Amino acid sequence: MGSGPGLGFRAKGAPAIGVAAMYGPPANLALVLPFASPIRTLADLKGKRIGVTTAGSLTDWLVRELSRQQGWGSDGIQIVALGQMQARLAAIQRGELDGMVIEAATGYELEEAGKAKNFMLFGDIAKHFYTHVIFATDDLIEKRPDLLRRFLRGWFKTIAFMRANKDFAVASEAKTIEVKPSIAARIYDAQISGFSADGAWNPAAIDVIRHSLKELGILSVVPEAKAISNDQFVPVRF
């Protein structure tokens, strides 16, 4: 399993390819602001300093896409690559950043602790996108395709169970990632709809990924869809 932009490594010679969509728009990533931030609307973000993980990362691309959608070009928001979340949070507390992109779950925890607040989820910005996909090696596809099909059926059966059993899913999630049940419930509500039910590829999302690969500098040209994704195993039926 890996990120949507990770599909581009196939075009660079990686012996693996995306075989199923896993998670769509990035509702699991949030723009988090200081608790007392004066920023109230998206328009207030122009020229502000936003912390991301690294240059060329998904968090970098999302901030640039937000800037483009506001009509400011790709550099209308100042992007500051600071690596780990702790470094970005420390920079916010020192007043060196106006916000940062982090996991929404962490944002909820910071919000409950009174340290920061989730301003927006990036699923509202990149509506056609794949945050995560399921990959398979060429060797597995060629030599053990039935094993891959069984894995995919098991995965999507699990997603169906989670959708039908919220209370169980929330309790399990809270225990697994060690967060309060209240936070796990917020994560569930915000993110469960983003999981693919059958792994089928959305052409619009693939197109966004294809173009993002060039924008992020992963590839020098926009690849063909068939060069980065395989549709012989989806949609998954069970």
Protein backbone atom coordinates (compact mmCIF):
# COMPACT_ATOMS: atom_id res chain seq x y z
CA MET A 1 0.00 0.00 0.00
CA GLY A 2 1.21 3.50 -0.75
CA SER A 3 0.25 7.01 -1.75
CA GLY A 4 -1.51 8.01 -4.94
CA PRO A 5 1.51 9.96 -6.20
CA GLY A 6 3.52 6.78 -5.57
CA LEU A 7 1.91 5.44 -8.75
CA GLY A 8 4.51 7.45 -10.63
CA PHE A 9 7.35 5.20 -9.54
CA ARG A 10 6.01 2.55 -11.92
CA ALA A 11 6.79 4.87 -14.82
CA LYS A 12 10.31 5.23 -13.41
CA GLY A 13 10.91 1.49 -13.55
CA ALA A 14 9.64 0.17 -10.20
CA PRO A 15 8.61 -3.52 -10.51
CA ALA A 16 5.17 -2.85 -9.00
CA ILE A 17 1.95 -1.20 -10.16
CA GLY A 18 -1.28 0.07 -8.63
CA VAL A 19 -3.91 -2.67 -8.76
CA ALA A 20 -6.77 -1.14 -6.75
CA ALA A 21 -7.96 2.18 -5.41
CA MET A 22 -7.85 2.23 -1.62
CA TYR A 23 -8.72 5.74 -0.42
CA GLY A 24 -9.94 8.73 -2.39
CA PRO A 25 -9.85 12.45 -1.53
CA PRO A 26 -7.39 13.31 1.29
CA ALA A 27 -9.91 13.86 4.09
CA ASN A 28 -7.28 12.35 6.39
CA LEU A 29 -5.06 15.42 5.95
CA ALA A 30 -5.91 18.76 7.52
CA LEU A 31 -4.69 22.33 7.49
CA VAL A 32 -4.14 23.09 11.16
CA LEU A 33 -3.83 26.62 12.54
CA PRO A 34 -2.82 28.06 15.91
CA PHE A 35 -5.80 28.16 18.24
CA ALA A 36 -5.83 31.97 18.28
CA SER A 37 -5.14 32.39 14.55
CA PRO A 38 -6.78 35.42 12.91
CA ILE A 39 -7.32 33.38 9.72
CA ARG A 40 -11.05 32.93 9.20
CA THR A 41 -11.53 32.19 5.48
CA LEU A 42 -9.55 30.62 2.64
CA ALA A 43 -8.92 34.10 1.26
CA ASP A 44 -6.97 34.91 4.43
CA LEU A 45 -4.36 32.28 3.52
CA LYS A 46 -2.81 34.33 0.71
CA GLY A 47 0.86 34.90 1.44
CA LYS A 48 0.74 32.94 4.70
CA ARG A 49 3.49 30.50 5.76
CA ILE A 50 2.30 26.88 5.83
CA GLY A 51 4.48 24.01 7.01
CA VAL A 52 4.65 20.75 5.03
CA THR A 53 6.74 17.60 5.31
CA THR A 54 9.13 17.90 2.36
CA ALA A 55 9.36 19.65 -0.99
CA GLY A 56 7.65 17.56 -3.68
CA SER A 57 5.55 15.66 -1.13
CA LEU A 58 1.79 15.17 -1.15
CA THR A 59 1.43 17.82 1.57
CA ASP A 60 3.42 20.23 -0.65
CA TRP A 61 1.19 19.51 -3.67
CA LEU A 62 -2.02 19.97 -1.67
CA VAL A 63 -1.03 23.45 -0.50
CA ARG A 64 -0.03 24.40 -4.06
CA GLU A 65 -3.33 23.05 -5.37
CA LEU A 66 -5.23 25.07 -2.76
CA SER A 67 -3.34 28.18 -3.87
CA ARG A 68 -4.12 27.48 -7.54
CA GLN A 69 -7.81 26.99 -6.80
CA GLN A 70 -7.90 30.38 -5.09
CA GLY A 71 -6.48 31.97 -8.25
CA TRP A 72 -3.07 32.80 -6.75
CA GLY A 73 -0.95 30.43 -8.83
CA SER A 74 1.07 27.64 -7.25
CA ASP A 75 3.09 29.98 -5.03
CA GLY A 76 0.37 32.21 -3.57
CA ILE A 77 0.90 30.53 -0.20
CA GLN A 78 4.41 30.34 1.24
CA ILE A 79 5.40 26.69 1.67
CA VAL A 80 7.93 25.81 4.36
CA ALA A 81 9.28 22.23 4.39
CA LEU A 82 10.14 21.28 7.98
CA GLY A 83 9.88 17.49 8.07
CA GLN A 84 8.41 15.94 11.21
CA MET A 85 5.17 17.19 12.74
CA GLN A 86 6.94 18.09 16.00
CA ALA A 87 9.19 20.55 14.15
CA ARG A 88 6.21 22.17 12.45
CA LEU A 89 4.26 22.42 15.70
CA ALA A 90 7.24 24.01 17.44
CA ALA A 91 7.54 26.53 14.58
CA ILE A 92 3.86 27.41 14.97
CA GLN A 93 4.28 27.93 18.69
CA ARG A 94 7.25 30.24 18.00
CA GLY A 95 5.17 32.22 15.51
CA GLU A 96 7.32 31.15 12.55
CA LEU A 97 4.44 29.42 10.74
CA ASP A 98 0.82 30.42 10.21
CA GLY A 99 -0.31 26.81 9.86
CA MET A 100 0.71 23.29 8.88
CA VAL A 101 -0.54 20.22 7.04
CA ILE A 102 -0.81 17.13 9.24
CA GLU A 103 -2.95 14.05 9.80
CA ALA A 104 -6.47 15.12 10.72
CA ALA A 105 -6.40 12.73 13.69
CA THR A 106 -3.42 14.59 15.16
CA GLY A 107 -5.22 17.85 14.50
CA TYR A 108 -8.22 16.67 16.51
CA GLU A 109 -5.92 15.75 19.41
CA LEU A 110 -4.23 19.17 19.30
CA GLU A 111 -7.67 20.77 19.18
CA GLU A 112 -8.85 18.93 22.29
CA ALA A 113 -5.62 19.95 24.04
CA GLY A 114 -6.19 23.60 23.12
CA LYS A 115 -2.96 23.81 21.12
CA ALA A 116 -4.32 24.19 17.58
CA LYS A 117 -7.44 23.74 15.47
CA ASN A 118 -8.37 21.96 12.25
CA PHE A 119 -9.18 24.72 9.76
CA MET A 120 -10.07 22.51 6.80
CA LEU A 121 -9.75 18.99 5.42
CA PHE A 122 -8.01 18.65 2.08
CA GLY A 123 -10.67 16.27 0.85
CA ASP A 124 -12.65 19.46 0.19
CA ILE A 125 -9.90 20.72 -2.14
CA ALA A 126 -8.80 17.61 -4.05
CA LYS A 127 -12.19 16.03 -4.70
CA HIS A 128 -10.84 13.73 -7.42
CA PHE A 129 -7.70 12.14 -6.04
CA TYR A 130 -6.20 8.97 -4.59
CA THR A 131 -4.54 9.46 -1.24
CA HIS A 132 -3.74 5.74 -0.99
CA VAL A 133 -3.70 2.85 -3.45
CA ILE A 134 -2.92 -0.87 -3.28
CA PHE A 135 0.16 -1.98 -5.19
CA ALA A 136 1.30 -5.42 -6.34
CA THR A 137 4.63 -6.55 -7.71
CA ASP A 138 4.94 -7.80 -11.27
CA ASP A 139 6.05 -11.15 -9.87
CA LEU A 140 2.88 -11.53 -7.77
CA ILE A 141 0.62 -10.52 -10.66
CA GLU A 142 2.28 -12.98 -13.01
CA LYS A 143 2.82 -15.96 -10.73
CA ARG A 144 0.16 -15.74 -8.00
CA PRO A 145 -2.81 -13.73 -9.30
CA ASP A 146 -5.30 -15.81 -7.30
CA LEU A 147 -3.51 -14.91 -4.07
CA LEU A 148 -3.77 -11.24 -4.99
CA ARG A 149 -7.49 -11.63 -5.72
CA ARG A 150 -8.03 -13.29 -2.32
CA PHE A 151 -6.18 -10.46 -0.58
CA LEU A 152 -8.29 -7.84 -2.35
CA ARG A 153 -11.53 -9.63 -1.48
CA GLY A 154 -10.45 -9.76 2.16
CA TRP A 155 -9.53 -6.09 2.17
CA PHE A 156 -12.80 -4.86 0.68
CA LYS A 157 -14.86 -7.20 2.87
CA THR A 158 -13.17 -5.50 5.83
CA ILE A 159 -14.13 -2.06 4.50
CA ALA A 160 -17.74 -3.22 4.08
CA PHE A 161 -17.74 -4.49 7.68
CA MET A 162 -16.40 -1.15 8.96
CA ARG A 163 -19.12 0.75 7.11
CA ALA A 164 -21.83 -1.48 8.60
CA ASN A 165 -20.43 -1.55 12.16
CA LYS A 166 -19.42 1.95 13.23
CA ASP A 167 -19.34 1.31 16.99
CA PHE A 168 -17.04 -1.69 16.62
CA ALA A 169 -14.82 0.12 14.11
CA VAL A 170 -14.48 3.20 16.33
CA ALA A 171 -13.64 1.13 19.43
CA SER A 172 -11.06 -0.89 17.50
CA GLU A 173 -9.52 2.24 15.96
CA ALA A 174 -9.28 4.03 19.31
CA LYS A 175 -7.42 1.06 20.80
CA THR A 176 -5.16 0.49 17.80
CA ILE A 177 -3.94 4.05 17.27
CA GLU A 178 -4.24 4.97 20.97
CA VAL A 179 -6.59 7.93 20.80
CA LYS A 180 -9.72 8.84 22.73
CA PRO A 181 -12.96 7.25 21.45
CA SER A 182 -14.30 10.76 20.79
CA ILE A 183 -11.41 11.44 18.42
CA ALA A 184 -11.75 8.03 16.76
CA ALA A 185 -15.43 8.79 16.14
CA ARG A 186 -14.56 12.10 14.46
CA ILE A 187 -11.98 10.34 12.29
CA TYR A 188 -14.54 7.71 11.30
CA ASP A 189 -17.19 10.26 10.38
CA ALA A 190 -14.77 12.34 8.31
CA GLN A 191 -12.99 9.50 6.55
CA ILE A 192 -15.10 6.36 6.17
CA SER A 193 -16.76 7.56 2.97
CA GLY A 194 -13.35 7.98 1.35
CA PHE A 195 -12.56 4.26 1.35
CA SER A 196 -13.21 2.56 -1.97
CA ALA A 197 -15.86 -0.15 -1.80
CA ASP A 198 -14.47 -2.24 -4.66
CA GLY A 199 -11.10 -0.82 -5.75
CA ALA A 200 -12.34 0.37 -9.15
CA TRP A 201 -10.37 3.26 -10.61
CA ASN A 202 -12.01 6.66 -11.08
CA PRO A 203 -10.66 8.10 -14.38
CA ALA A 204 -10.99 11.68 -13.07
CA ALA A 205 -8.88 10.86 -10.00
CA ILE A 206 -6.28 9.07 -12.12
CA ASP A 207 -6.05 12.15 -14.37
CA VAL A 208 -5.36 14.39 -11.36
CA ILE A 209 -2.70 11.96 -10.13
CA ARG A 210 -1.10 11.78 -13.58
CA HIS A 211 -0.71 15.55 -13.77
CA SER A 212 0.39 15.85 -10.13
CA LEU A 213 3.33 13.53 -10.89
CA LYS A 214 4.79 16.15 -13.21
CA GLU A 215 3.89 19.04 -10.90
CA LEU A 216 5.66 17.34 -7.98
CA GLY A 217 8.74 16.64 -10.08
CA ILE A 218 8.36 12.86 -9.74
CA LEU A 219 8.17 12.59 -13.55
CA SER A 220 9.23 14.94 -16.32
CA VAL A 221 6.13 14.19 -18.42
CA VAL A 222 2.51 13.27 -17.70
CA PRO A 223 2.25 9.46 -17.99
CA GLU A 224 -0.55 7.48 -19.60
CA ALA A 225 -3.05 5.97 -17.15
CA LYS A 226 -2.21 2.42 -18.23
CA ALA A 227 1.45 3.07 -17.44
CA ILE A 228 0.76 3.52 -13.73
CA SER A 229 -2.38 1.47 -12.97
CA ASN A 230 -3.68 -2.02 -13.68
CA ASP A 231 -7.44 -2.65 -13.89
CA GLN A 232 -7.54 -6.42 -14.38
CA PHE A 233 -8.34 -7.11 -10.69
CA VAL A 234 -11.07 -4.50 -10.13
CA PRO A 235 -13.86 -3.98 -9.39
CA VAL A 236 -13.63 -6.56 -6.61
CA ARG A 237 -16.75 -8.69 -6.11
CA PHE A 238 -17.53 -10.69 -2.98
